[in-house]
Amino acid sequence: MEGLVYLIPAALFLGLLGLAGFMWSVREGQYDDLDGATYRALFEEDEMEEENKLNQKFTKETSSDDKDTQFHKS
């Protein structure tokens, strides 16, 4: 029982330290691009640039199509 006097504060300190480290990593943007490392490991940079251009073109086309589409109740 005397050991709990030391273990409980130590556990709380380590928990708060881990929470502070997690909050710091979120604030620094460590979790912003989760798929980027996967693509960099598997694909060449030229292929990634081409895919990004196609994705940008597709999103521009679909966003302009959405503006033109109107739904009416019958």
Protein backbone atom coordinates (compact mmCIF):
# COMPACT_ATOMS: atom_id res chain seq x y z
CA MET A 1 0.00 0.00 0.00
CA GLU A 2 2.87 2.36 0.64
CA GLY A 3 4.01 1.83 -2.94
CA LEU A 4 0.78 3.35 -4.26
CA VAL A 5 1.88 6.71 -2.86
CA TYR A 6 4.64 6.69 -5.48
CA LEU A 7 2.97 4.73 -8.27
CA ILE A 8 -0.20 6.81 -8.63
CA PRO A 9 1.62 10.16 -9.09
CA ALA A 10 4.12 8.49 -11.41
CA ALA A 11 1.30 7.03 -13.53
CA LEU A 12 -0.49 10.39 -13.66
CA PHE A 13 2.74 12.15 -14.62
CA LEU A 14 3.48 9.68 -17.42
CA GLY A 15 -0.09 9.89 -18.68
CA LEU A 16 0.03 13.69 -18.81
CA LEU A 17 3.43 13.55 -20.46
CA GLY A 18 2.05 11.23 -23.16
CA LEU A 19 -0.98 13.47 -23.66
CA ALA A 20 1.25 16.53 -23.98
CA GLY A 21 3.40 14.72 -26.56
CA PHE A 22 0.32 13.72 -28.54
CA MET A 23 -1.10 17.25 -28.47
CA TRP A 24 2.26 18.64 -29.61
CA SER A 25 2.40 16.20 -32.54
CA VAL A 26 -1.13 17.12 -33.62
CA ARG A 27 -0.33 20.83 -33.39
CA GLU A 28 2.85 20.35 -35.45
CA GLY A 29 0.93 18.60 -38.24
CA GLN A 30 2.35 15.10 -37.84
CA TYR A 31 -0.99 13.52 -38.78
CA ASP A 32 -1.92 15.78 -41.71
CA ASP A 33 -0.69 13.57 -44.55
CA LEU A 34 -1.14 9.94 -43.58
CA ASP A 35 -1.21 8.57 -47.14
CA GLY A 36 1.77 10.53 -48.43
CA ALA A 37 4.42 8.28 -46.94
CA THR A 38 2.70 5.23 -48.42
CA TYR A 39 2.72 6.69 -51.90
CA ARG A 40 6.29 7.90 -51.62
CA ALA A 41 7.43 4.41 -50.62
CA LEU A 42 5.55 2.62 -53.40
CA PHE A 43 5.53 4.98 -56.38
CA GLU A 44 7.96 7.15 -58.25
CA GLU A 45 7.62 10.92 -57.88
CA ASP A 46 6.75 11.35 -61.57
CA GLU A 47 3.80 8.99 -61.23
CA MET A 48 2.61 10.84 -58.14
CA GLU A 49 2.74 14.22 -59.92
CA GLU A 50 0.71 12.85 -62.83
CA GLU A 51 -1.85 11.35 -60.46
CA ASN A 52 -2.13 14.64 -58.55
CA LYS A 53 -2.73 16.53 -61.79
CA LEU A 54 -5.46 14.08 -62.77
CA ASN A 55 -7.07 14.32 -59.33
CA GLN A 56 -7.02 18.12 -59.46
CA LYS A 57 -8.55 18.11 -62.93
CA PHE A 58 -11.24 15.66 -61.81
CA THR A 59 -12.13 17.69 -58.72
CA LYS A 60 -12.39 20.88 -60.79
CA GLU A 61 -14.68 19.15 -63.28
CA THR A 62 -16.91 17.64 -60.62
CA SER A 63 -17.15 20.88 -58.64
CA SER A 64 -18.21 22.79 -61.76
CA ASP A 65 -20.75 20.06 -62.60
CA ASP A 66 -22.21 20.33 -59.10
CA LYS A 67 -22.79 24.05 -59.54
CA ASP A 68 -24.65 23.51 -62.82
CA THR A 69 -26.86 20.72 -61.51
CA GLN A 70 -30.16 21.78 -60.01
CA PHE A 71 -32.65 19.50 -58.33
CA HIS A 72 -36.35 20.27 -58.51
CA LYS A 73 -39.17 18.61 -56.64
CA SER A 74 -41.84 17.17 -58.91
